[in-house]
């Protein structure tokens, strides 16, 4: 119950009820309202500082999940970078060595990401460093894989060229094994059949009947076709890739022409005894950069190990050559 206050009125000499002026009431109301607003602001500030709204809680959960995903993504990128590094090492130390290509320099392999300025805007955000680190790793990995892809394109082109080179290297016998009687004379010092003195024999003599087919031992271009009654007699010279040439001498007949492209196994002519020859045979030579090599080292495509060993024994016999 509201208390009633009285005061003594000296004018009327009586006790009269005290009435609060309206200005005081207004002032009290304004003070109370101000105090209430201040307390409400303090409570709201504390609540916003230390308490999260449902929306803020949801956003924080989403941010935590994104951080976790970024860390997982960084881990996966690191694994991919390890795989890319392994591919780079294989490329430089195996593939490019096999195909005689220069290794790609480390500076090109690392493929810089373009500097921090590219990611300046991302640094203004919370967790910006995490985002920038991930973006830099992805950019670097993308560029490294692009460089590796270009390297593989180069290796593929070299493989195609190497296939052509391998096909052109002399690698079979010029006379079929079924038609081959035996090797009459190998590479090295042999007795000249005419002068009966030791002389360097720069090829291999295959004895076979006149008319036995003679085949190209590798892909090549017919460099020379010559008919002669002396020396090599009727002979063919093939020009192969990377400096190889092969000579097929003392033929009875030639079926190719100068400038003609031939494949390994194509028919060149037939065994004869033309030129400086004492019996039907094929004199066969292999040259590399105009240096004559032992042809016995170039029969690896069509002989078994046992046949090749027998061929070596025959070629190494010290006997008289046929030319």
C-alpha atoms as a PDB file:
ATOM      1  CA  UNK A   1       0.000   0.000   0.000  1.00  0.00           C
ATOM      2  CA  UNK A   2       1.340   3.357  -1.015  1.00  0.00           C
ATOM      3  CA  UNK A   3       2.421   5.521   1.903  1.00  0.00           C
ATOM      4  CA  UNK A   4       0.683   8.890   2.313  1.00  0.00           C
ATOM      5  CA  UNK A   5       2.948  11.725   3.255  1.00  0.00           C
ATOM      6  CA  UNK A   6       1.853  14.942   5.054  1.00  0.00           C
ATOM      7  CA  UNK A   7       3.468  18.267   5.704  1.00  0.00           C
ATOM      8  CA  UNK A   8       2.557  21.211   8.002  1.00  0.00           C
ATOM      9  CA  UNK A   9       1.314  24.253   6.100  1.00  0.00           C
ATOM     10  CA  UNK A  10       2.367  27.384   7.960  1.00  0.00           C
ATOM     11  CA  UNK A  11      -0.116  29.439   6.036  1.00  0.00           C
ATOM     12  CA  UNK A  12      -3.126  27.471   6.950  1.00  0.00           C
ATOM     13  CA  UNK A  13      -1.693  26.135  10.230  1.00  0.00           C
ATOM     14  CA  UNK A  14      -2.872  22.671   9.211  1.00  0.00           C
ATOM     15  CA  UNK A  15      -1.390  19.295   8.119  1.00  0.00           C
ATOM     16  CA  UNK A  16      -1.925  18.777   4.465  1.00  0.00           C
ATOM     17  CA  UNK A  17      -1.270  15.809   2.108  1.00  0.00           C
ATOM     18  CA  UNK A  18       2.045  16.062   0.179  1.00  0.00           C
ATOM     19  CA  UNK A  19       1.644  15.858  -3.619  1.00  0.00           C
ATOM     20  CA  UNK A  20       4.802  15.136  -5.737  1.00  0.00           C
ATOM     21  CA  UNK A  21       5.268  17.718  -8.549  1.00  0.00           C
ATOM     22  CA  UNK A  22       4.910  16.394 -12.071  1.00  0.00           C
ATOM     23  CA  UNK A  23       8.418  17.588 -12.986  1.00  0.00           C
ATOM     24  CA  UNK A  24       9.857  15.354 -10.283  1.00  0.00           C
ATOM     25  CA  UNK A  25       7.767  12.450 -11.541  1.00  0.00           C
ATOM     26  CA  UNK A  26       9.005  12.992 -15.074  1.00  0.00           C
ATOM     27  CA  UNK A  27      12.584  13.249 -13.882  1.00  0.00           C
ATOM     28  CA  UNK A  28      12.294  10.042 -11.854  1.00  0.00           C
ATOM     29  CA  UNK A  29      10.765   8.218 -14.797  1.00  0.00           C
ATOM     30  CA  UNK A  30      13.501   9.370 -17.149  1.00  0.00           C
ATOM     31  CA  UNK A  31      16.171   8.303 -14.637  1.00  0.00           C
ATOM     32  CA  UNK A  32      14.601   4.886 -14.184  1.00  0.00           C
ATOM     33  CA  UNK A  33      14.263   4.411 -17.933  1.00  0.00           C
ATOM     34  CA  UNK A  34      17.881   5.466 -18.513  1.00  0.00           C
ATOM     35  CA  UNK A  35      19.125   3.085 -15.861  1.00  0.00           C
ATOM     36  CA  UNK A  36      17.066   0.279 -17.374  1.00  0.00           C
ATOM     37  CA  UNK A  37      18.460   0.974 -20.826  1.00  0.00           C
ATOM     38  CA  UNK A  38      22.012   1.020 -19.508  1.00  0.00           C
ATOM     39  CA  UNK A  39      21.552  -2.289 -17.715  1.00  0.00           C
ATOM     40  CA  UNK A  40      19.861  -3.763 -20.800  1.00  0.00           C
ATOM     41  CA  UNK A  41      22.785  -2.654 -23.003  1.00  0.00           C
ATOM     42  CA  UNK A  42      25.316  -4.162 -20.570  1.00  0.00           C
ATOM     43  CA  UNK A  43      23.413  -7.439 -20.448  1.00  0.00           C
ATOM     44  CA  UNK A  44      23.114  -7.571 -24.256  1.00  0.00           C
ATOM     45  CA  UNK A  45      26.825  -6.749 -24.703  1.00  0.00           C
ATOM     46  CA  UNK A  46      27.778  -9.523 -22.303  1.00  0.00           C
ATOM     47  CA  UNK A  47      25.395 -11.914 -24.026  1.00  0.00           C
ATOM     48  CA  UNK A  48      26.770 -11.099 -27.491  1.00  0.00           C
ATOM     49  CA  UNK A  49      30.337 -11.387 -26.180  1.00  0.00           C
ATOM     50  CA  UNK A  50      30.077 -14.652 -24.299  1.00  0.00           C
ATOM     51  CA  UNK A  51      26.973 -16.314 -25.653  1.00  0.00           C
ATOM     52  CA  UNK A  52      26.387 -17.447 -29.256  1.00  0.00           C
ATOM     53  CA  UNK A  53      23.150 -17.216 -31.112  1.00  0.00           C
ATOM     54  CA  UNK A  54      21.887 -20.365 -32.888  1.00  0.00           C
ATOM     55  CA  UNK A  55      22.992 -18.882 -36.211  1.00  0.00           C
ATOM     56  CA  UNK A  56      26.471 -18.136 -34.865  1.00  0.00           C
ATOM     57  CA  UNK A  57      26.729 -21.645 -33.461  1.00  0.00           C
ATOM     58  CA  UNK A  58      25.814 -23.075 -36.884  1.00  0.00           C
ATOM     59  CA  UNK A  59      28.383 -20.834 -38.622  1.00  0.00           C
ATOM     60  CA  UNK A  60      31.115 -21.815 -36.166  1.00  0.00           C
ATOM     61  CA  UNK A  61      30.380 -25.486 -36.757  1.00  0.00           C
ATOM     62  CA  UNK A  62      30.577 -24.854 -40.509  1.00  0.00           C
ATOM     63  CA  UNK A  63      33.900 -22.993 -40.144  1.00  0.00           C
ATOM     64  CA  UNK A  64      35.346 -25.812 -38.037  1.00  0.00           C
ATOM     65  CA  UNK A  65      34.270 -28.320 -40.682  1.00  0.00           C
ATOM     66  CA  UNK A  66      35.853 -26.199 -43.427  1.00  0.00           C
ATOM     67  CA  UNK A  67      39.119 -26.007 -41.464  1.00  0.00           C
ATOM     68  CA  UNK A  68      39.109 -29.777 -41.128  1.00  0.00           C
ATOM     69  CA  UNK A  69      38.447 -30.204 -44.856  1.00  0.00           C
ATOM     70  CA  UNK A  70      41.242 -27.764 -45.747  1.00  0.00           C
ATOM     71  CA  UNK A  71      43.678 -29.676 -43.548  1.00  0.00           C
ATOM     72  CA  UNK A  72      42.621 -32.956 -45.163  1.00  0.00           C
ATOM     73  CA  UNK A  73      42.972 -31.344 -48.591  1.00  0.00           C
ATOM     74  CA  UNK A  74      46.486 -30.155 -47.680  1.00  0.00           C
ATOM     75  CA  UNK A  75      47.399 -33.692 -46.646  1.00  0.00           C
ATOM     76  CA  UNK A  76      46.103 -35.123 -49.940  1.00  0.00           C
ATOM     77  CA  UNK A  77      47.963 -32.463 -51.935  1.00  0.00           C
ATOM     78  CA  UNK A  78      51.179 -33.366 -50.091  1.00  0.00           C
ATOM     79  CA  UNK A  79      50.659 -37.020 -51.050  1.00  0.00           C
ATOM     80  CA  UNK A  80      50.084 -36.038 -54.686  1.00  0.00           C
ATOM     81  CA  UNK A  81      53.233 -33.913 -54.612  1.00  0.00           C
ATOM     82  CA  UNK A  82      55.188 -36.962 -53.411  1.00  0.00           C
ATOM     83  CA  UNK A  83      53.782 -38.981 -56.318  1.00  0.00           C
ATOM     84  CA  UNK A  84      54.623 -36.157 -58.745  1.00  0.00           C
ATOM     85  CA  UNK A  85      58.183 -36.039 -57.355  1.00  0.00           C
ATOM     86  CA  UNK A  86      58.534 -39.783 -57.955  1.00  0.00           C
ATOM     87  CA  UNK A  87      57.317 -39.348 -61.543  1.00  0.00           C
ATOM     88  CA  UNK A  88      59.808 -36.535 -62.056  1.00  0.00           C
ATOM     89  CA  UNK A  89      62.695 -38.667 -60.780  1.00  0.00           C
ATOM     90  CA  UNK A  90      61.713 -41.587 -63.021  1.00  0.00           C
ATOM     91  CA  UNK A  91      61.404 -39.225 -65.951  1.00  0.00           C
ATOM     92  CA  UNK A  92      64.850 -37.662 -65.435  1.00  0.00           C
ATOM     93  CA  UNK A  93      66.758 -40.764 -64.299  1.00  0.00           C
ATOM     94  CA  UNK A  94      65.157 -43.468 -66.465  1.00  0.00           C
ATOM     95  CA  UNK A  95      63.000 -42.356 -69.386  1.00  0.00           C
ATOM     96  CA  UNK A  96      65.040 -39.335 -70.467  1.00  0.00           C
ATOM     97  CA  UNK A  97      68.287 -41.290 -69.997  1.00  0.00           C
ATOM     98  CA  UNK A  98      67.028 -44.172 -72.158  1.00  0.00           C
ATOM     99  CA  UNK A  99      66.039 -41.815 -74.955  1.00  0.00           C
ATOM    100  CA  UNK A 100      69.117 -39.579 -74.543  1.00  0.00           C
ATOM    101  CA  UNK A 101      67.133 -36.457 -73.671  1.00  0.00           C
ATOM    102  CA  UNK A 102      68.410 -33.710 -71.394  1.00  0.00           C
ATOM    103  CA  UNK A 103      66.866 -33.807 -67.877  1.00  0.00           C
ATOM    104  CA  UNK A 104      64.507 -30.958 -66.960  1.00  0.00           C
ATOM    105  CA  UNK A 105      66.158 -28.481 -64.575  1.00  0.00           C
ATOM    106  CA  UNK A 106      65.030 -28.324 -60.943  1.00  0.00           C
ATOM    107  CA  UNK A 107      64.039 -24.656 -61.277  1.00  0.00           C
ATOM    108  CA  UNK A 108      61.634 -25.505 -64.077  1.00  0.00           C
ATOM    109  CA  UNK A 109      60.381 -28.574 -62.207  1.00  0.00           C
ATOM    110  CA  UNK A 110      59.542 -26.540 -59.069  1.00  0.00           C
ATOM    111  CA  UNK A 111      57.286 -24.187 -61.068  1.00  0.00           C
ATOM    112  CA  UNK A 112      56.821 -21.204 -58.735  1.00  0.00           C
ATOM    113  CA  UNK A 113      53.276 -20.181 -57.809  1.00  0.00           C
ATOM    114  CA  UNK A 114      53.570 -16.482 -58.707  1.00  0.00           C
ATOM    115  CA  UNK A 115      54.243 -14.811 -55.330  1.00  0.00           C
ATOM    116  CA  UNK A 116      52.139 -13.879 -52.294  1.00  0.00           C
ATOM    117  CA  UNK A 117      50.574 -10.794 -53.961  1.00  0.00           C
ATOM    118  CA  UNK A 118      48.389 -13.087 -55.992  1.00  0.00           C
ATOM    119  CA  UNK A 119      46.671 -14.188 -52.764  1.00  0.00           C
ATOM    120  CA  UNK A 120      46.673 -10.815 -50.975  1.00  0.00           C
ATOM    121  CA  UNK A 121      42.872 -10.583 -50.803  1.00  0.00           C
ATOM    122  CA  UNK A 122      42.600 -13.988 -49.148  1.00  0.00           C
ATOM    123  CA  UNK A 123      44.898 -12.910 -46.299  1.00  0.00           C
ATOM    124  CA  UNK A 124      42.270 -10.388 -45.109  1.00  0.00           C
ATOM    125  CA  UNK A 125      39.982 -13.192 -43.968  1.00  0.00           C
ATOM    126  CA  UNK A 126      40.092 -15.307 -40.841  1.00  0.00           C
ATOM    127  CA  UNK A 127      41.985 -18.525 -41.605  1.00  0.00           C
ATOM    128  CA  UNK A 128      43.363 -16.745 -44.692  1.00  0.00           C
ATOM    129  CA  UNK A 129      46.836 -18.265 -44.224  1.00  0.00           C
ATOM    130  CA  UNK A 130      45.375 -21.771 -44.388  1.00  0.00           C
ATOM    131  CA  UNK A 131      43.481 -20.954 -47.573  1.00  0.00           C
ATOM    132  CA  UNK A 132      46.543 -19.300 -49.158  1.00  0.00           C
ATOM    133  CA  UNK A 133      48.812 -22.251 -48.305  1.00  0.00           C
ATOM    134  CA  UNK A 134      46.333 -24.649 -49.921  1.00  0.00           C
ATOM    135  CA  UNK A 135      45.914 -22.471 -53.011  1.00  0.00           C
ATOM    136  CA  UNK A 136      49.699 -22.190 -53.437  1.00  0.00           C
ATOM    137  CA  UNK A 137      50.166 -25.949 -53.174  1.00  0.00           C
ATOM    138  CA  UNK A 138      47.425 -26.572 -55.726  1.00  0.00           C
ATOM    139  CA  UNK A 139      48.885 -24.050 -58.157  1.00  0.00           C
ATOM    140  CA  UNK A 140      52.366 -25.518 -57.825  1.00  0.00           C
ATOM    141  CA  UNK A 141      51.094 -29.081 -58.276  1.00  0.00           C
ATOM    142  CA  UNK A 142      49.052 -28.074 -61.321  1.00  0.00           C
ATOM    143  CA  UNK A 143      52.084 -26.451 -62.986  1.00  0.00           C
ATOM    144  CA  UNK A 144      54.365 -29.379 -62.131  1.00  0.00           C
ATOM    145  CA  UNK A 145      51.901 -31.843 -63.647  1.00  0.00           C
ATOM    146  CA  UNK A 146      51.624 -29.651 -66.752  1.00  0.00           C
ATOM    147  CA  UNK A 147      55.433 -29.675 -67.136  1.00  0.00           C
ATOM    148  CA  UNK A 148      55.464 -33.458 -66.572  1.00  0.00           C
ATOM    149  CA  UNK A 149      52.757 -33.907 -69.195  1.00  0.00           C
ATOM    150  CA  UNK A 150      54.824 -31.930 -71.714  1.00  0.00           C
ATOM    151  CA  UNK A 151      57.866 -34.040 -70.825  1.00  0.00           C
ATOM    152  CA  UNK A 152      55.904 -37.229 -71.518  1.00  0.00           C
ATOM    153  CA  UNK A 153      54.811 -35.776 -74.870  1.00  0.00           C
ATOM    154  CA  UNK A 154      58.494 -35.249 -75.684  1.00  0.00           C
ATOM    155  CA  UNK A 155      59.356 -38.785 -74.544  1.00  0.00           C
ATOM    156  CA  UNK A 156      56.520 -40.203 -76.681  1.00  0.00           C
ATOM    157  CA  UNK A 157      57.917 -38.390 -79.719  1.00  0.00           C
ATOM    158  CA  UNK A 158      61.394 -39.723 -78.929  1.00  0.00           C
ATOM    159  CA  UNK A 159      59.931 -43.227 -78.608  1.00  0.00           C
ATOM    160  CA  UNK A 160      58.468 -42.981 -82.086  1.00  0.00           C
ATOM    161  CA  UNK A 161      61.827 -41.832 -83.413  1.00  0.00           C
ATOM    162  CA  UNK A 162      63.622 -44.568 -81.444  1.00  0.00           C
ATOM    163  CA  UNK A 163      61.306 -47.213 -82.922  1.00  0.00           C
ATOM    164  CA  UNK A 164      62.385 -46.033 -86.358  1.00  0.00           C
ATOM    165  CA  UNK A 165      66.029 -46.107 -85.253  1.00  0.00           C
ATOM    166  CA  UNK A 166      65.723 -49.604 -83.769  1.00  0.00           C
ATOM    167  CA  UNK A 167      64.050 -50.848 -86.946  1.00  0.00           C
ATOM    168  CA  UNK A 168      66.889 -49.423 -89.029  1.00  0.00           C
ATOM    169  CA  UNK A 169      69.789 -50.975 -87.066  1.00  0.00           C
ATOM    170  CA  UNK A 170      71.158 -54.098 -88.826  1.00  0.00           C
ATOM    171  CA  UNK A 171      69.858 -56.932 -86.677  1.00  0.00           C
ATOM    172  CA  UNK A 172      69.332 -60.080 -88.777  1.00  0.00           C
ATOM    173  CA  UNK A 173      71.388 -62.316 -91.060  1.00  0.00           C
ATOM    174  CA  UNK A 174      71.340 -61.233 -94.700  1.00  0.00           C
ATOM    175  CA  UNK A 175      70.754 -64.859 -95.721  1.00  0.00           C
ATOM    176  CA  UNK A 176      68.017 -67.015 -94.229  1.00  0.00           C
ATOM    177  CA  UNK A 177      69.306 -69.538 -91.728  1.00  0.00           C
ATOM    178  CA  UNK A 178      67.632 -72.426 -93.596  1.00  0.00           C
ATOM    179  CA  UNK A 179      69.605 -71.536 -96.763  1.00  0.00           C
ATOM    180  CA  UNK A 180      72.869 -70.981 -94.932  1.00  0.00           C
ATOM    181  CA  UNK A 181      75.491 -73.720 -95.379  1.00  0.00           C
ATOM    182  CA  UNK A 182      78.081 -72.167 -93.108  1.00  0.00           C
ATOM    183  CA  UNK A 183      80.227 -69.125 -92.542  1.00  0.00           C
ATOM    184  CA  UNK A 184      83.327 -69.437 -94.679  1.00  0.00           C
ATOM    185  CA  UNK A 185      85.216 -66.560 -93.124  1.00  0.00           C
ATOM    186  CA  UNK A 186      84.672 -64.122 -90.286  1.00  0.00           C
ATOM    187  CA  UNK A 187      85.848 -60.610 -89.421  1.00  0.00           C
ATOM    188  CA  UNK A 188      89.563 -60.185 -88.790  1.00  0.00           C
ATOM    189  CA  UNK A 189      92.919 -61.255 -90.203  1.00  0.00           C
ATOM    190  CA  UNK A 190      92.422 -63.976 -92.833  1.00  0.00           C
ATOM    191  CA  UNK A 191      94.424 -65.537 -95.692  1.00  0.00           C
ATOM    192  CA  UNK A 192      93.738 -63.756 -98.982  1.00  0.00           C
ATOM    193  CA  UNK A 193      92.534 -66.390-101.520  1.00  0.00           C
ATOM    194  CA  UNK A 194      94.414 -64.734-104.402  1.00  0.00           C
ATOM    195  CA  UNK A 195      97.651 -63.482-102.849  1.00  0.00           C
ATOM    196  CA  UNK A 196      97.868 -66.118-100.073  1.00  0.00           C
ATOM    197  CA  UNK A 197      99.017 -63.599 -97.479  1.00  0.00           C
ATOM    198  CA  UNK A 198      97.360 -62.505 -94.182  1.00  0.00           C
ATOM    199  CA  UNK A 199      95.024 -59.608 -94.838  1.00  0.00           C
ATOM    200  CA  UNK A 200      92.303 -57.813 -92.881  1.00  0.00           C
ATOM    201  CA  UNK A 201      88.920 -59.270 -93.790  1.00  0.00           C
ATOM    202  CA  UNK A 202      86.399 -56.502 -93.019  1.00  0.00           C
ATOM    203  CA  UNK A 203      83.198 -58.513 -93.174  1.00  0.00           C
ATOM    204  CA  UNK A 204      81.695 -61.991 -93.038  1.00  0.00           C
ATOM    205  CA  UNK A 205      81.512 -64.446 -95.950  1.00  0.00           C
ATOM    206  CA  UNK A 206      78.331 -66.535 -96.059  1.00  0.00           C
ATOM    207  CA  UNK A 207      78.585 -69.509 -98.417  1.00  0.00           C
ATOM    208  CA  UNK A 208      75.366 -70.365-100.220  1.00  0.00           C
ATOM    209  CA  UNK A 209      74.292 -71.587-103.679  1.00  0.00           C
ATOM    210  CA  UNK A 210      74.030 -69.085-106.525  1.00  0.00           C
ATOM    211  CA  UNK A 211      70.537 -67.619-106.540  1.00  0.00           C
ATOM    212  CA  UNK A 212      70.043 -67.731-102.755  1.00  0.00           C
ATOM    213  CA  UNK A 213      67.982 -64.643-101.732  1.00  0.00           C
ATOM    214  CA  UNK A 214      69.802 -61.831 -99.943  1.00  0.00           C
ATOM    215  CA  UNK A 215      67.765 -59.649 -97.557  1.00  0.00           C
ATOM    216  CA  UNK A 216      68.126 -56.165 -96.042  1.00  0.00           C
ATOM    217  CA  UNK A 217      69.158 -56.461 -92.404  1.00  0.00           C
ATOM    218  CA  UNK A 218      67.427 -53.223 -91.329  1.00  0.00           C
ATOM    219  CA  UNK A 219      65.213 -50.419 -92.608  1.00  0.00           C
ATOM    220  CA  UNK A 220      67.266 -48.215 -94.912  1.00  0.00           C
ATOM    221  CA  UNK A 221      67.652 -46.312 -98.172  1.00  0.00           C
ATOM    222  CA  UNK A 222      69.558 -47.896-101.048  1.00  0.00           C
ATOM    223  CA  UNK A 223      72.671 -45.728-101.056  1.00  0.00           C
ATOM    224  CA  UNK A 224      74.590 -47.391-103.898  1.00  0.00           C
ATOM    225  CA  UNK A 225      73.994 -50.047-106.578  1.00  0.00           C
ATOM    226  CA  UNK A 226      77.055 -51.018-108.591  1.00  0.00           C
ATOM    227  CA  UNK A 227      77.821 -53.673-111.179  1.00  0.00           C
ATOM    228  CA  UNK A 228      81.525 -54.582-111.429  1.00  0.00           C
ATOM    229  CA  UNK A 229      83.828 -57.425-112.482  1.00  0.00           C
ATOM    230  CA  UNK A 230      86.407 -56.627-109.808  1.00  0.00           C
ATOM    231  CA  UNK A 231      86.522 -55.943-106.096  1.00  0.00           C
ATOM    232  CA  UNK A 232      83.094 -56.309-104.507  1.00  0.00           C
ATOM    233  CA  UNK A 233      81.608 -57.233-107.884  1.00  0.00           C
ATOM    234  CA  UNK A 234      77.874 -56.553-108.126  1.00  0.00           C
ATOM    235  CA  UNK A 235      77.042 -55.023-104.783  1.00  0.00           C
ATOM    236  CA  UNK A 236      74.498 -52.942-102.854  1.00  0.00           C
ATOM    237  CA  UNK A 237      75.165 -50.458-100.058  1.00  0.00           C
ATOM    238  CA  UNK A 238      72.279 -49.494 -97.728  1.00  0.00           C
ATOM    239  CA  UNK A 239      72.269 -46.310 -95.660  1.00  0.00           C
ATOM    240  CA  UNK A 240      70.571 -46.759 -92.270  1.00  0.00           C
ATOM    241  CA  UNK A 241      69.841 -44.204 -89.535  1.00  0.00           C
ATOM    242  CA  UNK A 242      72.356 -42.932 -86.934  1.00  0.00           C
ATOM    243  CA  UNK A 243      75.361 -43.544 -89.161  1.00  0.00           C
ATOM    244  CA  UNK A 244      74.967 -47.232 -90.044  1.00  0.00           C
ATOM    245  CA  UNK A 245      75.630 -48.638 -93.522  1.00  0.00           C
ATOM    246  CA  UNK A 246      75.616 -52.242 -94.756  1.00  0.00           C
ATOM    247  CA  UNK A 247      77.325 -53.771 -97.800  1.00  0.00           C
ATOM    248  CA  UNK A 248      76.111 -56.840 -99.751  1.00  0.00           C
ATOM    249  CA  UNK A 249      78.764 -57.960-102.276  1.00  0.00           C
ATOM    250  CA  UNK A 250      79.412 -60.500-105.090  1.00  0.00           C
ATOM    251  CA  UNK A 251      75.709 -60.718-106.054  1.00  0.00           C
ATOM    252  CA  UNK A 252      74.559 -62.504-109.196  1.00  0.00           C
ATOM    253  CA  UNK A 253      71.512 -60.242-109.556  1.00  0.00           C
ATOM    254  CA  UNK A 254      70.271 -57.041-107.912  1.00  0.00           C
ATOM    255  CA  UNK A 255      66.546 -56.239-107.630  1.00  0.00           C
ATOM    256  CA  UNK A 256      66.647 -52.785-105.987  1.00  0.00           C
ATOM    257  CA  UNK A 257      67.569 -49.359-107.310  1.00  0.00           C
ATOM    258  CA  UNK A 258      69.426 -46.421-105.827  1.00  0.00           C
ATOM    259  CA  UNK A 259      67.265 -44.203-103.557  1.00  0.00           C
ATOM    260  CA  UNK A 260      64.718 -46.943-102.916  1.00  0.00           C
ATOM    261  CA  UNK A 261      63.346 -47.321 -99.386  1.00  0.00           C
ATOM    262  CA  UNK A 262      63.628 -50.863 -98.039  1.00  0.00           C
ATOM    263  CA  UNK A 263      62.446 -52.549 -94.849  1.00  0.00           C
ATOM    264  CA  UNK A 264      64.240 -55.162 -92.791  1.00  0.00           C
ATOM    265  CA  UNK A 265      63.752 -58.485 -94.578  1.00  0.00           C
ATOM    266  CA  UNK A 266      63.124 -56.990 -98.041  1.00  0.00           C
ATOM    267  CA  UNK A 267      64.804 -58.771-100.974  1.00  0.00           C
ATOM    268  CA  UNK A 268      67.902 -57.003-102.332  1.00  0.00           C
ATOM    269  CA  UNK A 269      69.282 -59.561-104.773  1.00  0.00           C
ATOM    270  CA  UNK A 270      70.736 -63.051-105.050  1.00  0.00           C
ATOM    271  CA  UNK A 271      73.996 -64.749-104.064  1.00  0.00           C
ATOM    272  CA  UNK A 272      76.630 -64.957-106.805  1.00  0.00           C
ATOM    273  CA  UNK A 273      80.383 -64.982-107.337  1.00  0.00           C
ATOM    274  CA  UNK A 274      80.938 -61.680-109.157  1.00  0.00           C
ATOM    275  CA  UNK A 275      84.062 -59.540-108.720  1.00  0.00           C
ATOM    276  CA  UNK A 276      87.056 -60.771-106.715  1.00  0.00           C
ATOM    277  CA  UNK A 277      85.517 -64.049-105.562  1.00  0.00           C
ATOM    278  CA  UNK A 278      86.672 -67.669-105.589  1.00  0.00           C
ATOM    279  CA  UNK A 279      83.274 -69.329-104.944  1.00  0.00           C
ATOM    280  CA  UNK A 280      79.569 -68.425-104.624  1.00  0.00           C
ATOM    281  CA  UNK A 281      79.099 -66.526-101.394  1.00  0.00           C
ATOM    282  CA  UNK A 282      77.814 -63.259 -99.903  1.00  0.00           C
ATOM    283  CA  UNK A 283      80.366 -60.849 -98.464  1.00  0.00           C
ATOM    284  CA  UNK A 284      78.540 -58.759 -95.810  1.00  0.00           C
ATOM    285  CA  UNK A 285      79.859 -55.682 -93.984  1.00  0.00           C
ATOM    286  CA  UNK A 286      78.492 -53.316 -91.307  1.00  0.00           C
ATOM    287  CA  UNK A 287      79.773 -49.740 -91.013  1.00  0.00           C
ATOM    288  CA  UNK A 288      79.136 -47.184 -88.281  1.00  0.00           C
ATOM    289  CA  UNK A 289      80.200 -43.634 -89.166  1.00  0.00           C
ATOM    290  CA  UNK A 290      82.408 -45.159 -91.892  1.00  0.00           C
ATOM    291  CA  UNK A 291      84.179 -47.445 -89.386  1.00  0.00           C
ATOM    292  CA  UNK A 292      83.837 -51.137 -90.271  1.00  0.00           C
ATOM    293  CA  UNK A 293      82.509 -53.294 -87.434  1.00  0.00           C
ATOM    294  CA  UNK A 294      82.296 -57.027 -86.886  1.00  0.00           C
ATOM    295  CA  UNK A 295      78.881 -58.036 -88.323  1.00  0.00           C
ATOM    296  CA  UNK A 296      78.705 -60.999 -85.933  1.00  0.00           C
ATOM    297  CA  UNK A 297      77.503 -58.531 -83.272  1.00  0.00           C
ATOM    298  CA  UNK A 298      74.424 -57.626 -85.320  1.00  0.00           C
ATOM    299  CA  UNK A 299      72.589 -60.954 -85.649  1.00  0.00           C
ATOM    300  CA  UNK A 300      70.611 -60.751 -82.418  1.00  0.00           C
ATOM    301  CA  UNK A 301      67.066 -60.659 -83.868  1.00  0.00           C
ATOM    302  CA  UNK A 302      66.672 -64.018 -85.587  1.00  0.00           C
ATOM    303  CA  UNK A 303      69.046 -66.448 -83.854  1.00  0.00           C
ATOM    304  CA  UNK A 304      68.635 -68.496 -80.713  1.00  0.00           C
ATOM    305  CA  UNK A 305      71.467 -68.337 -78.143  1.00  0.00           C
ATOM    306  CA  UNK A 306      72.638 -71.772 -79.307  1.00  0.00           C
ATOM    307  CA  UNK A 307      72.667 -70.741 -82.966  1.00  0.00           C
ATOM    308  CA  UNK A 308      74.480 -67.513 -82.141  1.00  0.00           C
ATOM    309  CA  UNK A 309      77.134 -69.408 -80.163  1.00  0.00           C
ATOM    310  CA  UNK A 310      77.680 -71.767 -83.107  1.00  0.00           C
ATOM    311  CA  UNK A 311      77.925 -68.778 -85.425  1.00  0.00           C
ATOM    312  CA  UNK A 312      80.615 -67.239 -83.209  1.00  0.00           C
ATOM    313  CA  UNK A 313      82.678 -70.427 -83.387  1.00  0.00           C
ATOM    314  CA  UNK A 314      82.477 -70.485 -87.171  1.00  0.00           C
ATOM    315  CA  UNK A 315      83.297 -66.792 -87.523  1.00  0.00           C
ATOM    316  CA  UNK A 316      86.344 -67.031 -85.255  1.00  0.00           C
ATOM    317  CA  UNK A 317      88.045 -69.776 -87.242  1.00  0.00           C
ATOM    318  CA  UNK A 318      91.332 -68.684 -88.762  1.00  0.00           C
ATOM    319  CA  UNK A 319      90.931 -69.745 -92.387  1.00  0.00           C
ATOM    320  CA  UNK A 320      91.017 -68.421 -95.915  1.00  0.00           C
ATOM    321  CA  UNK A 321      88.466 -65.853 -97.028  1.00  0.00           C
ATOM    322  CA  UNK A 322      86.493 -66.173-100.276  1.00  0.00           C
ATOM    323  CA  UNK A 323      87.388 -62.682-101.535  1.00  0.00           C
END
